[in-house]
Amino acid sequence: MALTQLEQTLPPQPTPPNERGYEYDLVIVGGGIIGLTLASALKDSGLSILLIEAKVASAAVAKGQAYAVHQLSALIYQGIGVWDKILPQIAKYCRVRLSDADYPNVVEFTTDDIDTAELGYVAEHQALLQPLQEFVQDCANVTYLCPAEVVNTQYQQDIVAIDIKVADQLQTVKSKLLIAADGARSPIRQAAGIKTSGWKYWQSCIVAFVKPEKPHNNTAYERFWSSGPFAILPLPGNRCRIVWTAPHEEAKALCALDDEQFLTELTRRYGDQMGKLELLGDRFVFQVQLMQSDRYVLPRLALIGDAAHNCHPVGGQGLNLGIRDAAALAQVLQTAHQAGKDIGDIQILKGYERWRKLENLTILGFTDLLDRMFSNNFLPVVLVRRLGLWFLQRVPVLKVFMLKLMIGLKGRTPELAKLSGLNAIPQQLEKSGLG
């Protein structure tokens, strides 16, 4: 079904509850990348799924954002069966250059370090979202309501009742499990009374697209300045995505500059390695935060993606953590369903929480440490971090460990990723004990 048709189609009335009192096995609230990934991962599970998205589909696709897509995420999408639709629309990077301001020693990670064809990918929002939207529309077990809004939830012993507003009409569906994939301000999480821990950083993040004069050569850069990390991500068409972190007032002042002034400041941090820069489209600023939900699950409820956690954008970890959440939860639910167990039972859901919560916390801590270590000029810290870069250059084992951590090859691997034959990564998983 075309997206335009999807937006104009009113949802069918739900089928009468079956003998156990529910219409769907699970309802996913949030039809963004993570919610769609979970629905797609469950295409052959035998579970009936309702996917609810509040935004009109074309508006969601038009969101101006771009992400690093790590190797493990690529493997997950390959295992789902949607990677071949995503890959032609995105760029790969084969080299990562890590540096500390104007310190001359640069740590360079290459494909030779882990014997793969590329280290990762960079995708614009629509390059991931649209193929996933099209994929779930071909999943016979998924009903996709868009636009629609959840207005109330009521958790009962055996089911959760969900009031949904569609085209000014209210209807109630019942499900064994509700999944919150509705973002960092998740209304579902808040209504369930799940508290969060964390803080807002002293920094904001400026994002923009640029076109350099010279080829980007599929190289990603992460350069640390005392004001915050500065990343350059390669995109198709010799474009680049800039992710520029700075203290709030500085970030606001930079965004207030006219294009010529902004490009002058950008070039100072960017360097002249790619020649003159051309600014493409608007630039945006958003505040950076770290957040971890106290719980990922309650009876009949599970949180995934930004509804469960947020991290600093350094290293491009955020979206990838959510993709791993979706793959892990899909595996837990499918295993439970095949064993005839209740997928909304808290003991089943705690298996997902044990799998993902500590791994996510590890990455949240890692990104927080990176930002704090490099976003200051305190001399002892400067000496320690530059010594660390020196060791990374000269100790291959440490360098490979750091690279694998950054691209998702440390931690428990979902079965979906093991199904993939993408490049040489499955062999790397086995060698590292993750397979």
Protein backbone atom coordinates (compact mmCIF):
# COMPACT_ATOMS: atom_id res chain seq x y z
CA MET A 1 0.00 0.00 0.00
CA ALA A 2 1.43 3.37 -0.94
CA LEU A 3 2.07 5.80 1.87
CA THR A 4 -0.41 8.32 0.48
CA GLN A 5 -3.07 5.64 0.52
CA LEU A 6 -2.09 4.68 4.02
CA GLU A 7 -2.64 8.21 5.29
CA GLN A 8 -6.10 8.42 3.74
CA THR A 9 -7.35 5.03 4.85
CA LEU A 10 -9.38 4.81 8.02
CA PRO A 11 -8.46 1.82 10.17
CA PRO A 12 -10.66 -1.25 10.09
CA GLN A 13 -12.64 -1.89 13.22
CA PRO A 14 -10.82 -4.47 15.32
CA THR A 15 -11.94 -8.04 15.12
CA PRO A 16 -13.98 -9.29 18.08
CA PRO A 17 -11.83 -10.46 20.98
CA ASN A 18 -10.93 -14.13 20.82
CA GLU A 19 -11.65 -16.59 23.57
CA ARG A 20 -8.79 -15.15 25.64
CA GLY A 21 -10.17 -11.64 25.47
CA TYR A 22 -7.75 -9.77 23.15
CA GLU A 23 -7.52 -8.73 19.49
CA TYR A 24 -3.72 -8.47 19.17
CA ASP A 25 -0.77 -10.24 20.72
CA LEU A 26 1.10 -6.95 20.98
CA VAL A 27 0.57 -3.27 20.24
CA ILE A 28 3.57 -1.10 19.36
CA VAL A 29 3.12 2.63 20.03
CA GLY A 30 5.52 4.59 17.85
CA GLY A 31 6.01 3.98 14.14
CA GLY A 32 9.48 5.50 13.95
CA ILE A 33 12.59 3.56 13.00
CA ILE A 34 12.70 1.53 16.23
CA GLY A 35 9.01 0.63 16.35
CA LEU A 36 9.11 -0.37 12.68
CA THR A 37 12.25 -2.42 13.29
CA LEU A 38 10.51 -4.41 16.03
CA ALA A 39 7.42 -5.03 13.90
CA SER A 40 9.61 -6.09 10.96
CA ALA A 41 11.69 -8.40 13.14
CA LEU A 42 8.50 -10.21 14.19
CA LYS A 43 7.19 -10.78 10.66
CA ASP A 44 7.47 -14.61 10.89
CA SER A 45 6.74 -14.90 14.60
CA GLY A 46 3.09 -15.87 14.36
CA LEU A 47 2.21 -12.93 16.62
CA SER A 48 -0.55 -10.52 15.58
CA ILE A 49 0.72 -6.93 15.82
CA LEU A 50 -0.89 -3.49 15.81
CA LEU A 51 1.55 -0.65 15.03
CA ILE A 52 0.38 2.87 15.88
CA GLU A 53 2.06 6.07 14.65
CA ALA A 54 0.80 9.56 15.52
CA LYS A 55 2.48 11.44 12.65
CA VAL A 56 1.30 11.36 9.06
CA ALA A 57 3.62 8.98 7.22
CA SER A 58 4.99 11.55 4.76
CA ALA A 59 5.81 13.94 7.63
CA ALA A 60 7.73 11.23 9.45
CA VAL A 61 9.72 10.36 6.33
CA ALA A 62 10.61 14.02 5.73
CA LYS A 63 12.40 14.41 9.08
CA GLY A 64 15.81 15.96 8.43
CA GLN A 65 18.18 13.74 10.37
CA ALA A 66 21.03 11.34 9.68
CA TYR A 67 22.58 8.53 11.70
CA ALA A 68 25.62 6.35 11.91
CA VAL A 69 24.50 2.75 11.32
CA HIS A 70 26.85 0.30 12.99
CA GLN A 71 27.84 -3.12 11.75
CA LEU A 72 25.60 -4.96 14.20
CA SER A 73 22.61 -2.86 13.12
CA ALA A 74 23.36 -3.69 9.48
CA LEU A 75 23.47 -7.38 10.38
CA ILE A 76 20.10 -7.11 12.13
CA TYR A 77 18.50 -5.49 9.09
CA GLN A 78 20.09 -8.12 6.87
CA GLY A 79 18.57 -10.81 9.08
CA ILE A 80 15.15 -9.15 8.91
CA GLY A 81 15.36 -9.02 5.11
CA VAL A 82 15.17 -5.26 4.54
CA TRP A 83 18.86 -4.39 4.17
CA ASP A 84 18.88 -4.74 0.38
CA LYS A 85 16.29 -1.94 0.21
CA ILE A 86 18.26 0.29 2.59
CA LEU A 87 21.81 -0.19 1.29
CA PRO A 88 21.47 1.59 -2.11
CA GLN A 89 20.31 4.78 -0.36
CA ILE A 90 23.09 5.14 2.21
CA ALA A 91 26.85 5.72 2.35
CA LYS A 92 29.50 3.50 3.84
CA TYR A 93 32.58 4.61 5.71
CA CYS A 94 35.81 2.66 5.54
CA ARG A 95 37.97 4.83 7.76
CA VAL A 96 37.46 6.71 11.03
CA ARG A 97 39.89 9.42 12.10
CA LEU A 98 39.86 10.24 15.82
CA SER A 99 41.72 13.34 17.02
CA ASP A 100 41.95 15.76 19.94
CA ALA A 101 41.63 19.38 18.77
CA ASP A 102 44.94 20.46 17.22
CA TYR A 103 46.95 17.62 18.78
CA PRO A 104 48.95 16.21 15.82
CA ASN A 105 48.63 12.51 16.69
CA VAL A 106 45.54 11.10 14.94
CA VAL A 107 44.17 7.61 15.61
CA GLU A 108 42.94 6.06 12.38
CA PHE A 109 40.66 3.01 12.35
CA THR A 110 40.43 1.16 9.03
CA THR A 111 38.78 -1.93 7.62
CA ASP A 112 42.09 -3.77 7.95
CA ASP A 113 41.72 -3.62 11.74
CA ILE A 114 38.81 -6.07 11.69
CA ASP A 115 39.11 -7.47 8.15
CA THR A 116 35.80 -6.16 6.76
CA ALA A 117 34.76 -4.30 3.60
CA GLU A 118 33.56 -1.28 5.62
CA LEU A 119 33.39 -0.11 9.21
CA GLY A 120 29.83 1.18 9.11
CA TYR A 121 27.29 3.29 7.26
CA VAL A 122 25.61 6.68 7.41
CA ALA A 123 21.90 6.93 6.60
CA GLU A 124 19.47 9.82 6.37
CA HIS A 125 16.24 9.36 8.28
CA GLN A 126 14.08 8.62 5.26
CA ALA A 127 16.58 6.10 3.90
CA LEU A 128 15.84 3.90 6.92
CA LEU A 129 12.23 4.80 7.65
CA GLN A 130 10.70 4.46 4.20
CA PRO A 131 11.98 0.94 3.44
CA LEU A 132 10.80 -0.17 6.89
CA GLN A 133 7.36 1.39 6.34
CA GLU A 134 7.05 -0.44 3.03
CA PHE A 135 8.31 -3.67 4.58
CA VAL A 136 5.73 -3.80 7.38
CA GLN A 137 2.92 -3.09 4.94
CA ASP A 138 3.77 -6.45 3.33
CA CYS A 139 3.77 -8.24 6.70
CA ALA A 140 0.48 -10.15 6.93
CA ASN A 141 0.62 -10.18 10.75
CA VAL A 142 1.00 -6.38 11.12
CA THR A 143 -1.83 -3.82 11.10
CA TYR A 144 -0.37 -0.34 10.61
CA LEU A 145 -2.45 2.63 11.83
CA CYS A 146 -1.09 6.01 10.73
CA PRO A 147 -1.95 8.62 11.84
CA ALA A 148 -3.48 7.48 15.13
CA GLU A 149 -3.05 8.44 18.76
CA VAL A 150 -3.17 6.50 22.02
CA VAL A 151 -5.24 8.46 24.54
CA ASN A 152 -5.45 6.01 27.43
CA THR A 153 -4.12 2.67 28.62
CA GLN A 154 -5.50 0.35 31.28
CA TYR A 155 -3.41 -2.58 32.49
CA GLN A 156 -5.30 -5.63 33.66
CA GLN A 157 -4.17 -9.03 34.85
CA ASP A 158 -4.29 -10.80 31.49
CA ILE A 159 -4.56 -7.94 28.98
CA VAL A 160 -3.94 -4.24 28.43
CA ALA A 161 -6.82 -2.15 27.05
CA ILE A 162 -5.72 0.70 24.76
CA ASP A 163 -7.98 3.59 23.71
CA ILE A 164 -6.99 4.86 20.26
CA LYS A 165 -8.16 8.02 18.51
CA VAL A 166 -8.27 7.84 14.71
CA ALA A 167 -9.93 10.50 12.54
CA ASP A 168 -11.82 11.86 15.58
CA GLN A 169 -13.16 8.41 16.35
CA LEU A 170 -12.32 6.54 19.53
CA GLN A 171 -11.92 2.79 19.64
CA THR A 172 -10.51 0.36 22.18
CA VAL A 173 -8.31 -2.61 21.43
CA LYS A 174 -7.04 -5.25 23.80
CA SER A 175 -3.61 -6.85 23.69
CA LYS A 176 -1.40 -9.16 25.68
CA LEU A 177 1.49 -6.66 25.55
CA LEU A 178 2.09 -2.97 24.93
CA ILE A 179 5.43 -1.74 23.57
CA ALA A 180 6.46 1.90 24.08
CA ALA A 181 8.60 3.05 21.15
CA ASP A 182 7.31 6.61 21.41
CA GLY A 183 10.50 8.57 22.06
CA ALA A 184 12.40 10.20 24.88
CA ARG A 185 9.31 11.95 26.28
CA SER A 186 7.30 8.74 26.03
CA PRO A 187 3.71 9.36 27.17
CA ILE A 188 3.32 5.59 27.62
CA ARG A 189 6.30 5.45 30.00
CA GLN A 190 5.11 8.48 31.93
CA ALA A 191 1.55 7.18 32.24
CA ALA A 192 2.92 3.90 33.60
CA GLY A 193 4.80 5.79 36.31
CA ILE A 194 8.25 4.57 35.28
CA LYS A 195 10.87 7.02 36.54
CA THR A 196 14.11 7.91 34.78
CA SER A 197 17.61 8.83 35.91
CA GLY A 198 20.10 11.10 34.17
CA TRP A 199 20.80 14.71 33.35
CA LYS A 200 20.83 17.31 30.63
CA TYR A 201 24.32 18.24 29.51
CA TRP A 202 25.71 21.77 29.46
CA GLN A 203 25.93 21.31 25.70
CA SER A 204 23.65 21.49 22.69
CA CYS A 205 24.19 19.83 19.34
CA ILE A 206 24.15 21.61 15.97
CA VAL A 207 23.39 19.44 12.95
CA ALA A 208 23.74 20.46 9.31
CA PHE A 209 24.40 19.07 5.84
CA VAL A 210 27.35 20.34 3.81
CA LYS A 211 28.89 19.57 0.43
CA PRO A 212 32.71 19.75 0.39
CA GLU A 213 34.71 20.76 -2.65
CA LYS A 214 36.84 17.60 -2.51
CA PRO A 215 35.68 13.95 -2.17
CA HIS A 216 35.01 12.74 1.38
CA ASN A 217 36.55 9.35 0.46
CA ASN A 218 34.12 7.50 2.74
CA THR A 219 35.93 8.77 5.82
CA ALA A 220 34.24 9.64 9.13
CA TYR A 221 35.86 12.10 11.52
CA GLU A 222 35.44 12.52 15.27
CA ARG A 223 37.41 15.53 16.47
CA PHE A 224 37.26 16.52 20.12
CA TRP A 225 37.38 20.19 21.08
CA SER A 226 37.22 21.60 24.59
CA SER A 227 33.71 22.86 23.79
CA GLY A 228 32.55 19.38 22.74
CA PRO A 229 32.87 16.65 20.08
CA PHE A 230 32.72 17.52 16.39
CA ALA A 231 31.81 14.76 13.94
CA ILE A 232 31.80 14.62 10.13
CA LEU A 233 29.82 11.76 8.59
CA PRO A 234 29.96 10.92 4.85
CA LEU A 235 26.72 10.69 2.86
CA PRO A 236 25.85 9.79 -0.75
CA GLY A 237 26.40 12.45 -3.39
CA ASN A 238 29.65 13.60 -1.71
CA ARG A 239 27.65 15.27 1.04
CA CYS A 240 28.50 15.22 4.74
CA ARG A 241 26.52 15.43 7.94
CA ILE A 242 27.96 17.70 10.61
CA VAL A 243 27.28 16.95 14.29
CA TRP A 244 28.75 19.85 16.26
CA THR A 245 28.50 19.91 20.06
CA ALA A 246 29.02 23.17 21.95
CA PRO A 247 27.86 24.86 25.18
CA HIS A 248 24.24 26.05 24.92
CA GLU A 249 24.87 29.75 24.45
CA GLU A 250 27.66 29.15 21.95
CA ALA A 251 25.47 26.75 19.97
CA LYS A 252 22.61 29.26 19.87
CA ALA A 253 24.98 32.03 18.77
CA LEU A 254 26.42 29.85 16.01
CA CYS A 255 22.97 29.01 14.69
CA ALA A 256 22.06 32.70 14.69
CA LEU A 257 24.92 33.52 12.28
CA ASP A 258 24.22 34.05 8.61
CA ASP A 259 25.34 31.28 6.24
CA GLU A 260 28.67 32.88 5.33
CA GLN A 261 29.62 33.52 8.96
CA PHE A 262 28.51 30.03 9.98
CA LEU A 263 30.63 28.45 7.24
CA THR A 264 33.64 30.47 8.39
CA GLU A 265 33.28 29.13 11.93
CA LEU A 266 32.55 25.64 10.63
CA THR A 267 35.70 25.60 8.50
CA ARG A 268 37.83 26.45 11.54
CA ARG A 269 36.74 23.23 13.19
CA TYR A 270 36.33 21.20 10.02
CA GLY A 271 39.76 21.95 8.59
CA ASP A 272 40.72 22.39 4.94
CA GLN A 273 41.22 18.73 4.06
CA MET A 274 38.13 18.74 1.80
CA GLY A 275 38.38 22.26 0.42
CA LYS A 276 35.61 24.84 0.38
CA LEU A 277 32.30 23.93 2.02
CA GLU A 278 28.78 24.56 0.77
CA LEU A 279 25.93 24.63 3.29
CA LEU A 280 22.92 22.55 2.24
CA GLY A 281 19.52 23.33 3.75
CA ASP A 282 18.77 24.47 7.27
CA ARG A 283 20.76 23.82 10.40
CA PHE A 284 19.18 22.71 13.67
CA VAL A 285 20.13 22.74 17.34
CA PHE A 286 18.94 20.43 20.12
CA GLN A 287 19.92 19.91 23.73
CA VAL A 288 21.94 16.83 24.66
CA GLN A 289 20.89 14.57 27.51
CA LEU A 290 21.65 11.28 29.18
CA MET A 291 18.68 9.24 30.40
CA GLN A 292 18.15 5.70 31.62
CA SER A 293 14.73 4.41 32.64
CA ASP A 294 14.67 2.85 36.09
CA ARG A 295 12.80 -0.09 34.57
CA TYR A 296 12.45 -1.30 31.02
CA VAL A 297 9.44 -3.53 31.77
CA LEU A 298 6.30 -3.85 33.83
CA PRO A 299 3.60 -6.51 33.52
CA ARG A 300 2.17 -6.13 29.97
CA LEU A 301 4.59 -3.29 29.10
CA ALA A 302 8.09 -2.96 27.62
CA LEU A 303 10.14 0.11 26.63
CA ILE A 304 12.51 0.23 23.67
CA GLY A 305 14.72 2.85 22.04
CA ASP A 306 14.57 6.44 23.24
CA ALA A 307 11.60 5.61 25.46
CA ALA A 308 14.04 3.54 27.54
CA HIS A 309 17.32 5.50 27.24
CA ASN A 310 19.16 8.46 25.69
CA CYS A 311 22.90 9.04 25.38
CA HIS A 312 25.32 11.72 24.24
CA PRO A 313 25.61 11.74 20.41
CA VAL A 314 29.38 11.18 20.48
CA GLY A 315 30.15 7.99 18.56
CA GLY A 316 26.67 7.81 17.00
CA GLN A 317 25.41 5.22 19.47
CA GLY A 318 21.80 6.27 20.15
CA LEU A 319 19.86 4.81 17.21
CA ASN A 320 21.97 1.66 17.23
CA LEU A 321 21.12 0.93 20.85
CA GLY A 322 17.44 1.13 19.92
CA ILE A 323 17.89 -1.22 16.95
CA ARG A 324 19.53 -3.74 19.29
CA ASP A 325 16.67 -3.31 21.78
CA ALA A 326 14.18 -4.17 19.03
CA ALA A 327 16.11 -7.24 17.88
CA ALA A 328 16.58 -8.48 21.45
CA LEU A 329 12.92 -8.00 22.40
CA ALA A 330 11.79 -9.68 19.17
CA GLN A 331 13.92 -12.71 20.02
CA VAL A 332 12.62 -12.91 23.60
CA LEU A 333 8.97 -12.62 22.50
CA GLN A 334 9.24 -15.07 19.64
CA THR A 335 10.98 -17.65 21.84
CA ALA A 336 8.29 -17.29 24.52
CA HIS A 337 5.46 -17.51 21.97
CA GLN A 338 6.89 -20.65 20.39
CA ALA A 339 7.06 -22.23 23.84
CA GLY A 340 3.39 -21.39 24.43
CA LYS A 341 4.16 -18.83 27.13
CA ASP A 342 2.41 -15.52 27.82
CA ILE A 343 4.50 -12.80 26.15
CA GLY A 344 3.14 -10.15 28.52
CA ASP A 345 4.23 -12.01 31.64
CA ILE A 346 6.72 -10.02 33.70
CA GLN A 347 9.14 -12.93 33.99
CA ILE A 348 9.35 -13.19 30.20
CA LEU A 349 9.85 -9.45 29.85
CA LYS A 350 12.56 -9.36 32.51
CA GLY A 351 14.66 -11.54 30.21
CA TYR A 352 14.70 -8.64 27.75
CA GLU A 353 15.49 -6.16 30.51
CA ARG A 354 18.43 -8.23 31.80
CA TRP A 355 19.80 -8.49 28.27
CA ARG A 356 19.61 -4.84 27.30
CA LYS A 357 19.65 -2.63 30.38
CA LEU A 358 23.25 -3.26 31.47
CA GLU A 359 24.58 -3.17 27.89
CA ASN A 360 22.85 0.16 27.30
CA LEU A 361 24.12 1.54 30.60
CA THR A 362 27.66 0.57 29.59
CA ILE A 363 27.41 2.59 26.37
CA LEU A 364 25.75 5.51 28.17
CA GLY A 365 28.66 5.54 30.60
CA PHE A 366 31.22 5.21 27.81
CA THR A 367 29.82 8.16 25.83
CA ASP A 368 29.54 10.25 28.99
CA LEU A 369 33.17 9.53 29.88
CA LEU A 370 34.35 10.42 26.37
CA ASP A 371 32.52 13.73 26.44
CA ARG A 372 33.74 14.70 29.91
CA MET A 373 37.32 13.59 29.26
CA PHE A 374 37.65 15.58 26.05
CA SER A 375 35.36 18.58 26.69
CA ASN A 376 37.71 20.41 29.01
CA ASN A 377 41.18 21.98 29.23
CA PHE A 378 42.15 20.71 32.69
CA LEU A 379 45.85 19.88 32.17
CA PRO A 380 45.98 16.51 34.01
CA VAL A 381 42.94 15.31 32.02
CA VAL A 382 44.46 16.57 28.77
CA LEU A 383 47.65 14.63 29.48
CA VAL A 384 45.72 11.44 30.33
CA ARG A 385 43.55 11.52 27.23
CA ARG A 386 46.47 12.23 24.90
CA LEU A 387 48.39 9.39 26.49
CA GLY A 388 45.32 7.27 25.77
CA LEU A 389 45.40 8.28 22.12
CA TRP A 390 49.10 7.43 22.02
CA PHE A 391 48.34 3.94 23.34
CA LEU A 392 45.48 3.48 20.87
CA GLN A 393 47.89 4.20 18.02
CA ARG A 394 50.49 1.72 19.22
CA VAL A 395 48.61 -1.15 20.91
CA PRO A 396 46.64 -3.12 18.28
CA VAL A 397 44.63 -5.15 20.81
CA LEU A 398 43.39 -1.99 22.51
CA LYS A 399 42.64 -0.36 19.18
CA VAL A 400 40.60 -3.33 17.92
CA PHE A 401 38.70 -3.57 21.23
CA MET A 402 37.78 0.13 21.06
CA LEU A 403 36.70 -0.17 17.43
CA LYS A 404 34.50 -3.20 18.10
CA LEU A 405 32.90 -1.44 21.05
CA MET A 406 32.12 1.60 18.88
CA ILE A 407 30.55 -0.40 16.02
CA GLY A 408 28.48 -2.76 18.16
CA LEU A 409 30.56 -5.93 18.12
CA LYS A 410 30.80 -6.21 21.90
CA GLY A 411 27.93 -7.67 23.88
CA ARG A 412 25.32 -10.33 23.26
CA THR A 413 24.38 -10.74 19.61
CA PRO A 414 20.71 -11.25 18.59
CA GLU A 415 19.95 -14.33 16.53
CA LEU A 416 18.78 -12.10 13.67
CA ALA A 417 22.35 -10.82 13.24
CA LYS A 418 23.74 -14.33 13.12
CA LEU A 419 21.43 -15.18 10.21
CA SER A 420 23.15 -12.58 8.03
CA GLY A 421 25.95 -13.20 5.59
CA LEU A 422 26.92 -9.53 5.39
CA ASN A 423 30.65 -9.13 4.67
CA ALA A 424 32.97 -10.90 7.10
CA ILE A 425 31.27 -9.81 10.30
CA PRO A 426 29.67 -13.16 11.24
CA GLN A 427 33.17 -14.66 11.31
CA GLN A 428 34.35 -11.74 13.43
CA LEU A 429 31.49 -12.41 15.86
CA GLU A 430 32.65 -16.00 16.22
CA LYS A 431 36.30 -15.02 16.68
CA SER A 432 35.38 -12.50 19.37
CA GLY A 433 33.19 -14.95 21.22
CA LEU A 434 29.98 -13.09 20.39
CA GLY A 435 28.60 -15.49 17.84
